[in-house]
C-alpha atoms as a PDB file:
ATOM      1  CA  MET A   1     -16.691  77.399  79.009  1.00  0.00           C
ATOM      2  CA  PRO A   2     -13.531  77.343  81.210  1.00  0.00           C
ATOM      3  CA  THR A   3     -12.894  79.339  84.220  1.00  0.00           C
ATOM      4  CA  PRO A   4     -10.753  82.447  84.096  1.00  0.00           C
ATOM      5  CA  VAL A   5      -7.331  80.525  85.401  1.00  0.00           C
ATOM      6  CA  GLU A   6      -4.632  80.566  83.101  1.00  0.00           C
ATOM      7  CA  HIS A   7      -6.123  82.477  80.484  1.00  0.00           C
ATOM      8  CA  THR A   8      -4.811  85.350  78.508  1.00  0.00           C
ATOM      9  CA  PRO A   9      -5.517  88.836  80.017  1.00  0.00           C
ATOM     10  CA  VAL A  10      -8.078  89.588  77.497  1.00  0.00           C
ATOM     11  CA  MET A  11      -9.669  86.321  78.105  1.00  0.00           C
ATOM     12  CA  GLN A  12     -10.088  87.084  81.573  1.00  0.00           C
ATOM     13  CA  GLN A  13     -11.425  90.069  81.089  1.00  0.00           C
ATOM     14  CA  TYR A  14     -14.139  88.427  78.836  1.00  0.00           C
ATOM     15  CA  LEU A  15     -15.123  85.428  80.977  1.00  0.00           C
ATOM     16  CA  ARG A  16     -15.497  88.143  84.057  1.00  0.00           C
ATOM     17  CA  ILE A  17     -18.006  90.364  81.700  1.00  0.00           C
ATOM     18  CA  LYS A  18     -19.567  87.236  80.575  1.00  0.00           C
ATOM     19  CA  ALA A  19     -20.245  85.720  83.871  1.00  0.00           C
ATOM     20  CA  GLN A  20     -22.285  88.669  84.465  1.00  0.00           C
ATOM     21  CA  TYR A  21     -24.376  88.107  81.361  1.00  0.00           C
ATOM     22  CA  PRO A  22     -24.517  84.280  81.202  1.00  0.00           C
ATOM     23  CA  ASN A  23     -27.834  84.014  79.354  1.00  0.00           C
ATOM     24  CA  VAL A  24     -27.457  86.548  76.426  1.00  0.00           C
ATOM     25  CA  LEU A  25     -24.927  86.635  73.673  1.00  0.00           C
ATOM     26  CA  LEU A  26     -21.947  88.749  74.550  1.00  0.00           C
ATOM     27  CA  PHE A  27     -20.741  91.385  71.661  1.00  0.00           C
ATOM     28  CA  TYR A  28     -17.308  92.098  72.760  1.00  0.00           C
ATOM     29  CA  ARG A  29     -15.699  94.998  71.395  1.00  0.00           C
ATOM     30  CA  MET A  30     -12.360  94.356  69.528  1.00  0.00           C
ATOM     31  CA  GLY A  31     -11.456  97.167  67.336  1.00  0.00           C
ATOM     32  CA  ASP A  32     -13.688  97.502  64.597  1.00  0.00           C
ATOM     33  CA  PHE A  33     -15.424  94.080  65.340  1.00  0.00           C
ATOM     34  CA  TYR A  34     -17.667  92.767  68.078  1.00  0.00           C
ATOM     35  CA  GLU A  35     -16.177  89.378  68.819  1.00  0.00           C
ATOM     36  CA  LEU A  36     -18.152  86.319  70.209  1.00  0.00           C
ATOM     37  CA  PHE A  37     -16.311  83.498  72.080  1.00  0.00           C
ATOM     38  CA  TYR A  38     -16.972  79.928  73.284  1.00  0.00           C
ATOM     39  CA  GLU A  39     -20.604  79.067  72.973  1.00  0.00           C
ATOM     40  CA  ASP A  40     -21.918  82.409  72.040  1.00  0.00           C
ATOM     41  CA  ALA A  41     -19.627  81.938  68.778  1.00  0.00           C
ATOM     42  CA  GLU A  42     -21.185  78.906  68.042  1.00  0.00           C
ATOM     43  CA  LYS A  43     -24.670  79.934  68.633  1.00  0.00           C
ATOM     44  CA  ALA A  44     -24.192  83.173  66.772  1.00  0.00           C
ATOM     45  CA  ALA A  45     -22.309  81.519  63.721  1.00  0.00           C
ATOM     46  CA  LYS A  46     -25.280  79.282  63.413  1.00  0.00           C
ATOM     47  CA  LEU A  47     -28.053  82.000  64.055  1.00  0.00           C
ATOM     48  CA  LEU A  48     -26.255  84.777  61.683  1.00  0.00           C
ATOM     49  CA  ASN A  49     -24.959  81.920  58.973  1.00  0.00           C
ATOM     50  CA  ILE A  50     -21.030  83.846  60.232  1.00  0.00           C
ATOM     51  CA  THR A  51     -17.950  82.280  60.098  1.00  0.00           C
ATOM     52  CA  LEU A  52     -16.942  80.384  63.009  1.00  0.00           C
ATOM     53  CA  THR A  53     -13.164  80.236  63.462  1.00  0.00           C
ATOM     54  CA  SER A  54     -10.930  79.671  66.498  1.00  0.00           C
ATOM     55  CA  ARG A  55      -8.284  82.023  67.879  1.00  0.00           C
ATOM     56  CA  GLY A  56      -5.725  80.292  69.259  1.00  0.00           C
ATOM     57  CA  SER A  57      -5.845  78.895  72.939  1.00  0.00           C
ATOM     58  CA  SER A  58      -6.465  80.295  75.845  1.00  0.00           C
ATOM     59  CA  GLY A  59      -6.408  77.998  79.437  1.00  0.00           C
ATOM     60  CA  GLY A  60      -5.196  75.083  77.575  1.00  0.00           C
ATOM     61  CA  ALA A  61      -8.053  74.875  75.022  1.00  0.00           C
ATOM     62  CA  ARG A  62      -9.027  76.458  71.699  1.00  0.00           C
ATOM     63  CA  VAL A  63     -11.051  79.574  71.591  1.00  0.00           C
ATOM     64  CA  ALA A  64     -14.072  79.320  69.424  1.00  0.00           C
ATOM     65  CA  MET A  65     -14.346  82.620  67.814  1.00  0.00           C
ATOM     66  CA  ALA A  66     -17.033  84.646  65.461  1.00  0.00           C
ATOM     67  CA  GLY A  67     -17.401  88.268  64.944  1.00  0.00           C
ATOM     68  CA  VAL A  68     -19.656  91.322  63.240  1.00  0.00           C
ATOM     69  CA  PRO A  69     -17.780  94.556  61.909  1.00  0.00           C
ATOM     70  CA  VAL A  70     -18.753  97.391  63.841  1.00  0.00           C
ATOM     71  CA  VAL A  71     -20.385  99.408  61.147  1.00  0.00           C
ATOM     72  CA  SER A  72     -23.099  96.685  60.596  1.00  0.00           C
ATOM     73  CA  VAL A  73     -23.979  95.843  64.076  1.00  0.00           C
ATOM     74  CA  GLU A  74     -27.268  97.181  63.805  1.00  0.00           C
ATOM     75  CA  GLN A  75     -28.300  94.690  61.116  1.00  0.00           C
ATOM     76  CA  TYR A  76     -27.083  91.647  63.080  1.00  0.00           C
ATOM     77  CA  LEU A  77     -28.582  92.680  66.114  1.00  0.00           C
ATOM     78  CA  ALA A  78     -32.045  92.961  64.632  1.00  0.00           C
ATOM     79  CA  ARG A  79     -31.743  89.200  63.135  1.00  0.00           C
ATOM     80  CA  LEU A  80     -30.815  88.021  66.535  1.00  0.00           C
ATOM     81  CA  VAL A  81     -33.656  90.127  67.985  1.00  0.00           C
ATOM     82  CA  LYS A  82     -36.166  88.881  65.588  1.00  0.00           C
ATOM     83  CA  LEU A  83     -35.347  85.224  66.376  1.00  0.00           C
ATOM     84  CA  GLY A  84     -35.750  85.842  70.121  1.00  0.00           C
ATOM     85  CA  GLU A  85     -32.483  86.471  71.388  1.00  0.00           C
ATOM     86  CA  SER A  86     -31.052  88.982  73.689  1.00  0.00           C
ATOM     87  CA  VAL A  87     -27.461  90.462  73.490  1.00  0.00           C
ATOM     88  CA  ALA A  88     -25.321  92.427  75.629  1.00  0.00           C
ATOM     89  CA  ILE A  89     -23.080  95.089  73.667  1.00  0.00           C
ATOM     90  CA  CYS A  90     -19.361  95.395  75.432  1.00  0.00           C
ATOM     91  CA  GLU A  91     -17.532  98.438  74.514  1.00  0.00           C
ATOM     92  CA  GLN A  92     -13.876  99.425  74.824  1.00  0.00           C
ATOM     93  CA  ILE A  93     -14.174 102.493  77.061  1.00  0.00           C
ATOM     94  CA  GLY A  94     -10.703 102.929  77.435  1.00  0.00           C
ATOM     95  CA  GLU A  95      -7.719 104.298  75.446  1.00  0.00           C
ATOM     96  CA  PRO A  96      -5.903 101.435  73.918  1.00  0.00           C
ATOM     97  CA  ALA A  97      -2.436 103.198  73.640  1.00  0.00           C
ATOM     98  CA  ALA A  98      -2.733 104.419  77.318  1.00  0.00           C
ATOM     99  CA  SER A  99      -3.986 100.943  78.599  1.00  0.00           C
ATOM    100  CA  LYS A 100      -1.263  98.633  80.166  1.00  0.00           C
ATOM    101  CA  GLY A 101      -3.179  95.322  79.489  1.00  0.00           C
ATOM    102  CA  PRO A 102      -6.467  94.890  78.192  1.00  0.00           C
ATOM    103  CA  VAL A 103      -8.461  97.949  77.541  1.00  0.00           C
ATOM    104  CA  GLU A 104     -10.953  98.958  79.519  1.00  0.00           C
ATOM    105  CA  ARG A 105     -14.444  97.559  78.581  1.00  0.00           C
ATOM    106  CA  LYS A 106     -18.027  97.449  79.861  1.00  0.00           C
ATOM    107  CA  VAL A 107     -21.453  96.226  78.920  1.00  0.00           C
ATOM    108  CA  VAL A 108     -23.143  99.519  77.699  1.00  0.00           C
ATOM    109  CA  ARG A 109     -26.496  98.190  76.290  1.00  0.00           C
ATOM    110  CA  VAL A 110     -28.242  95.192  76.396  1.00  0.00           C
ATOM    111  CA  VAL A 111     -31.032  94.471  73.638  1.00  0.00           C
ATOM    112  CA  THR A 112     -33.811  92.224  74.493  1.00  0.00           C
ATOM    113  CA  PRO A 113     -36.868  91.328  72.341  1.00  0.00           C
ATOM    114  CA  GLY A 114     -39.197  93.074  74.770  1.00  0.00           C
ATOM    115  CA  THR A 115     -36.824  96.170  75.548  1.00  0.00           C
ATOM    116  CA  LEU A 116     -36.338  97.476  71.964  1.00  0.00           C
ATOM    117  CA  THR A 117     -36.446 101.436  71.531  1.00  0.00           C
ATOM    118  CA  ASP A 118     -34.326 101.717  68.748  1.00  0.00           C
ATOM    119  CA  THR A 119     -36.368 102.507  65.827  1.00  0.00           C
ATOM    120  CA  GLY A 120     -33.953 100.994  63.302  1.00  0.00           C
ATOM    121  CA  LEU A 121     -34.756  97.307  65.136  1.00  0.00           C
ATOM    122  CA  LEU A 122     -37.791  97.579  65.389  1.00  0.00           C
ATOM    123  CA  ALA A 123     -38.934  97.152  61.972  1.00  0.00           C
ATOM    124  CA  ASP A 124     -41.740  95.255  61.564  1.00  0.00           C
ATOM    125  CA  LYS A 125     -42.404  94.783  65.051  1.00  0.00           C
ATOM    126  CA  ALA A 126     -43.207  98.334  66.302  1.00  0.00           C
ATOM    127  CA  ASP A 127     -45.250  97.506  69.057  1.00  0.00           C
ATOM    128  CA  ALA A 128     -42.921  94.835  70.883  1.00  0.00           C
ATOM    129  CA  ALA A 129     -44.399  94.803  74.161  1.00  0.00           C
ATOM    130  CA  LEU A 130     -42.573  93.352  77.527  1.00  0.00           C
ATOM    131  CA  ALA A 131     -45.100  91.769  79.412  1.00  0.00           C
ATOM    132  CA  ALA A 132     -44.792  90.624  83.061  1.00  0.00           C
ATOM    133  CA  ILE A 133     -46.964  87.831  84.537  1.00  0.00           C
ATOM    134  CA  ALA A 134     -48.140  87.681  88.305  1.00  0.00           C
ATOM    135  CA  PHE A 135     -49.913  84.617  89.877  1.00  0.00           C
ATOM    136  CA  ASP A 136     -52.378  84.645  92.504  1.00  0.00           C
ATOM    137  CA  GLY A 137     -51.220  83.523  96.253  1.00  0.00           C
ATOM    138  CA  PRO A 138     -48.057  81.543  96.849  1.00  0.00           C
ATOM    139  CA  ALA A 139     -45.565  79.698  94.416  1.00  0.00           C
ATOM    140  CA  ARG A 140     -46.178  76.078  94.290  1.00  0.00           C
ATOM    141  CA  ASP A 141     -44.586  73.540  92.260  1.00  0.00           C
ATOM    142  CA  ALA A 142     -47.811  71.823  91.380  1.00  0.00           C
ATOM    143  CA  ARG A 143     -50.063  72.592  88.430  1.00  0.00           C
ATOM    144  CA  ARG A 144     -52.162  75.567  89.456  1.00  0.00           C
ATOM    145  CA  ASP A 145     -55.758  75.405  89.362  1.00  0.00           C
ATOM    146  CA  ARG A 146     -57.058  76.711  86.035  1.00  0.00           C
ATOM    147  CA  ARG A 147     -59.473  79.314  87.921  1.00  0.00           C
ATOM    148  CA  ASP A 148     -56.618  80.960  89.665  1.00  0.00           C
ATOM    149  CA  ALA A 149     -56.015  84.448  88.945  1.00  0.00           C
ATOM    150  CA  VAL A 150     -53.231  85.980  86.764  1.00  0.00           C
ATOM    151  CA  GLY A 151     -52.321  89.541  86.261  1.00  0.00           C
ATOM    152  CA  ILE A 152     -50.912  90.549  82.886  1.00  0.00           C
ATOM    153  CA  ALA A 153     -48.791  93.937  82.901  1.00  0.00           C
ATOM    154  CA  TRP A 154     -47.457  95.021  79.363  1.00  0.00           C
ATOM    155  CA  LEU A 155     -45.238  97.693  78.125  1.00  0.00           C
ATOM    156  CA  VAL A 156     -44.580  99.294  74.649  1.00  0.00           C
ATOM    157  CA  LEU A 157     -41.419 100.964  75.222  1.00  0.00           C
ATOM    158  CA  ALA A 158     -41.002 102.252  72.152  1.00  0.00           C
ATOM    159  CA  SER A 159     -44.487 104.439  72.564  1.00  0.00           C
ATOM    160  CA  GLY A 160     -44.682 104.346  76.503  1.00  0.00           C
ATOM    161  CA  ASP A 161     -48.086 102.251  76.436  1.00  0.00           C
ATOM    162  CA  LEU A 162     -48.705 100.694  79.836  1.00  0.00           C
ATOM    163  CA  ARG A 163     -51.559  98.374  79.925  1.00  0.00           C
ATOM    164  CA  ALA A 164     -52.555  95.662  82.851  1.00  0.00           C
ATOM    165  CA  THR A 165     -55.512  93.232  82.917  1.00  0.00           C
ATOM    166  CA  GLU A 166     -56.643  90.156  84.959  1.00  0.00           C
ATOM    167  CA  THR A 167     -57.524  86.733  83.508  1.00  0.00           C
ATOM    168  CA  THR A 168     -57.405  83.232  84.808  1.00  0.00           C
ATOM    169  CA  VAL A 169     -54.878  80.636  84.196  1.00  0.00           C
ATOM    170  CA  ASP A 170     -57.091  78.539  81.892  1.00  0.00           C
ATOM    171  CA  ARG A 171     -57.244  82.025  79.742  1.00  0.00           C
ATOM    172  CA  LEU A 172     -53.522  82.766  79.993  1.00  0.00           C
ATOM    173  CA  PRO A 173     -52.798  81.493  76.539  1.00  0.00           C
ATOM    174  CA  SER A 174     -55.304  83.182  74.950  1.00  0.00           C
ATOM    175  CA  GLU A 175     -54.474  86.579  76.470  1.00  0.00           C
ATOM    176  CA  LEU A 176     -50.623  86.243  75.637  1.00  0.00           C
ATOM    177  CA  ALA A 177     -51.739  85.215  71.670  1.00  0.00           C
ATOM    178  CA  ARG A 178     -53.969  88.529  71.906  1.00  0.00           C
ATOM    179  CA  ILE A 179     -50.985  90.740  73.456  1.00  0.00           C
ATOM    180  CA  ALA A 180     -48.341  89.069  71.284  1.00  0.00           C
ATOM    181  CA  PRO A 181     -45.461  90.283  73.622  1.00  0.00           C
ATOM    182  CA  SER A 182     -41.745  89.924  72.102  1.00  0.00           C
ATOM    183  CA  GLU A 183     -40.696  88.980  76.223  1.00  0.00           C
ATOM    184  CA  ILE A 184     -42.493  87.526  78.878  1.00  0.00           C
ATOM    185  CA  VAL A 185     -41.003  88.081  82.547  1.00  0.00           C
ATOM    186  CA  VAL A 186     -42.429  85.595  85.464  1.00  0.00           C
ATOM    187  CA  ALA A 187     -40.572  85.240  88.909  1.00  0.00           C
ATOM    188  CA  THR A 188     -38.161  82.441  89.151  1.00  0.00           C
ATOM    189  CA  THR A 189     -40.307  81.031  91.817  1.00  0.00           C
ATOM    190  CA  PHE A 190     -42.821  80.105  89.711  1.00  0.00           C
ATOM    191  CA  ASN A 191     -43.204  76.660  87.868  1.00  0.00           C
ATOM    192  CA  VAL A 192     -45.948  77.118  85.834  1.00  0.00           C
ATOM    193  CA  GLU A 193     -47.047  75.529  82.443  1.00  0.00           C
ATOM    194  CA  ILE A 194     -48.529  78.443  80.260  1.00  0.00           C
ATOM    195  CA  GLY A 195     -49.428  76.140  77.349  1.00  0.00           C
ATOM    196  CA  ASP A 196     -52.292  73.840  76.933  1.00  0.00           C
ATOM    197  CA  SER A 197     -52.846  72.066  79.992  1.00  0.00           C
ATOM    198  CA  GLY A 198     -55.634  70.055  79.065  1.00  0.00           C
END
């Protein structure tokens, strides 16, 4: 993705906001549509089977673009979350008529598979859990001993149900299969294989 230098004011604003949410798809409100640009547009077009087009150029390059209507955004969010994607919703919070330059925008909601509380998006996965894993002892790059302790806590936001358990590295895959979380949070300081290490 190009840097904000020499972009249109709208693309400069988009790139500033996108830099704050680099690992999620950014739904950027423009009138009656949520637009996606660059790599987000390419990814969303494939996942949602929507048209990928381009919007002129900015910063000397064509701008890949895809969009979804505001009135049907919930169905697209549900599809993306079901595919394991996370989405940041960026709304227009300023008045277009009163704005000099781009309308003021900000991210007002981030939807991830494990943080769903909207019953319209939960559908068949009403007990979507967000799990966090904590390993006993200091982080290390080498493979952990299969008997090392692992703490798992999981939260079902829709019901407020919070649970925790302790297991071992070798039992971790079966515990995660039992809990079936929609999303797992692990500290970035850990480098651990969760799958079959045998």
